[in-house]
Amino acid sequence: PPVKTKQVILADTVTASGAVLGARFATHAGAQATVQGSKTLGVFKTDAADGDDVTVELIGITYVDAGGVIAVGADLIADANGKAITNPEAGGEVVAGVARSVGADGGQVQILLK
């Protein structure tokens, strides 16, 4: 199997606000992203329960759960489940990063976090 390369340059610890899943987008409040296209802090490194400390990967290359078909080079945003989807460019979305691999719903995509 291919090697999954991660090059996280900066990570920080936050207190989880609600239960969160690893490899999902994090909000600045420490919650899992639930609003499509909203601003994100980074990607949760692991699952965490409400009130637990959890690492968020902020800058670099990591993996995030995919919420649909994704092409290399696509601008990615958070969907309502904290997964990465291709930016539909409907207006107002905040791009979280750029896809460095292909992705499909149920899998993961390599992302360069912005």
Protein backbone atom coordinates (compact mmCIF):
# COMPACT_ATOMS: atom_id res chain seq x y z
CA PRO A 1 0.00 0.00 0.00
CA PRO A 2 1.12 3.59 -0.58
CA VAL A 3 2.76 5.45 2.26
CA LYS A 4 0.61 8.22 3.74
CA THR A 5 2.91 11.20 4.05
CA LYS A 6 2.10 13.78 6.73
CA GLN A 7 4.21 16.88 7.20
CA VAL A 8 2.52 18.86 9.94
CA ILE A 9 4.45 22.09 10.52
CA LEU A 10 2.29 23.44 13.33
CA ALA A 11 -0.22 21.81 15.68
CA ASP A 12 -1.93 23.02 18.84
CA THR A 13 -3.96 21.52 21.65
CA VAL A 14 -7.55 22.67 22.17
CA THR A 15 -10.37 21.58 24.44
CA ALA A 16 -12.99 19.64 22.48
CA SER A 17 -16.38 21.33 22.42
CA GLY A 18 -18.64 18.32 21.96
CA ALA A 19 -17.49 14.93 20.71
CA VAL A 20 -15.15 15.22 17.72
CA LEU A 21 -13.74 12.76 15.20
CA GLY A 22 -10.15 12.59 14.05
CA ALA A 23 -9.47 13.58 10.43
CA ARG A 24 -12.38 16.07 10.48
CA PHE A 25 -12.22 19.85 10.29
CA ALA A 26 -12.08 21.76 13.58
CA THR A 27 -13.62 25.16 14.29
CA HIS A 28 -11.89 27.88 16.28
CA ALA A 29 -14.22 27.00 19.18
CA GLY A 30 -12.83 23.44 19.35
CA ALA A 31 -15.93 21.86 17.81
CA GLN A 32 -16.20 19.71 14.72
CA ALA A 33 -17.23 21.85 11.73
CA THR A 34 -20.99 21.64 11.12
CA VAL A 35 -21.62 24.51 8.68
CA GLN A 36 -20.65 23.91 5.06
CA GLY A 37 -18.00 26.36 3.89
CA SER A 38 -17.38 27.84 7.34
CA LYS A 39 -13.97 29.01 8.53
CA THR A 40 -11.89 26.22 10.08
CA LEU A 41 -8.93 26.12 12.44
CA GLY A 42 -7.41 22.89 11.12
CA VAL A 43 -7.93 19.13 11.30
CA PHE A 44 -8.42 17.06 14.46
CA LYS A 45 -5.61 14.52 14.84
CA THR A 46 -7.71 12.04 16.88
CA ASP A 47 -11.21 11.43 18.21
CA ALA A 48 -12.02 13.18 21.49
CA ALA A 49 -14.91 13.42 23.94
CA ASP A 50 -16.44 16.71 25.04
CA GLY A 51 -14.02 18.54 27.36
CA ASP A 52 -10.97 16.43 26.45
CA ASP A 53 -7.74 17.97 25.19
CA VAL A 54 -7.19 17.18 21.51
CA THR A 55 -4.52 18.07 18.96
CA VAL A 56 -5.49 20.13 15.93
CA GLU A 57 -3.13 20.13 12.93
CA LEU A 58 -2.97 23.76 11.78
CA ILE A 59 -0.34 24.12 9.05
CA GLY A 60 1.17 21.55 6.73
CA ILE A 61 0.16 18.38 4.92
CA THR A 62 -2.26 15.97 6.57
CA TYR A 63 -5.26 13.76 5.84
CA VAL A 64 -8.94 14.59 6.23
CA ASP A 65 -12.05 12.48 5.68
CA ALA A 66 -13.57 13.07 2.24
CA GLY A 67 -17.26 13.84 1.81
CA GLY A 68 -17.39 13.33 -1.95
CA VAL A 69 -15.31 12.88 -5.10
CA ILE A 70 -12.23 15.11 -4.98
CA ALA A 71 -9.63 15.80 -7.68
CA VAL A 72 -5.99 16.69 -7.12
CA GLY A 73 -5.61 20.47 -6.87
CA ALA A 74 -9.22 21.11 -5.86
CA ASP A 75 -9.92 23.85 -3.31
CA LEU A 76 -11.42 22.12 -0.29
CA ILE A 77 -13.98 23.33 2.23
CA ALA A 78 -15.64 21.71 5.24
CA ASP A 79 -19.05 20.12 4.77
CA ALA A 80 -21.77 19.92 7.44
CA ASN A 81 -20.09 16.78 8.89
CA GLY A 82 -16.59 18.25 9.10
CA LYS A 83 -15.45 16.32 6.01
CA ALA A 84 -13.60 17.80 3.03
CA ILE A 85 -15.53 18.53 -0.15
CA THR A 86 -14.66 20.39 -3.33
CA ASN A 87 -15.58 24.06 -3.08
CA PRO A 88 -18.84 24.53 -5.03
CA GLU A 89 -18.09 28.27 -5.23
CA ALA A 90 -21.68 29.21 -4.39
CA GLY A 91 -20.36 32.25 -2.54
CA GLY A 92 -18.99 32.89 0.92
CA GLU A 93 -17.11 29.62 1.41
CA VAL A 94 -13.76 29.74 3.21
CA VAL A 95 -11.20 27.45 1.57
CA ALA A 96 -9.45 25.25 4.16
CA GLY A 97 -6.80 23.84 1.85
CA VAL A 98 -5.87 22.23 -1.45
CA ALA A 99 -6.21 18.53 -2.32
CA ARG A 100 -2.88 16.77 -2.90
CA SER A 101 -4.52 13.44 -3.73
CA VAL A 102 -7.79 12.19 -5.13
CA GLY A 103 -10.52 11.39 -2.65
CA ALA A 104 -13.95 9.78 -2.49
CA ASP A 105 -16.74 9.71 0.08
CA GLY A 106 -15.83 7.28 2.84
CA GLY A 107 -12.09 7.63 2.21
CA GLN A 108 -9.49 10.25 3.00
CA VAL A 109 -7.78 12.94 0.97
CA GLN A 110 -4.33 14.42 1.50
CA ILE A 111 -4.62 18.18 2.05
CA LEU A 112 -2.24 21.11 2.18
CA LEU A 113 -3.81 23.22 4.91
CA LYS A 114 -4.10 26.94 4.19
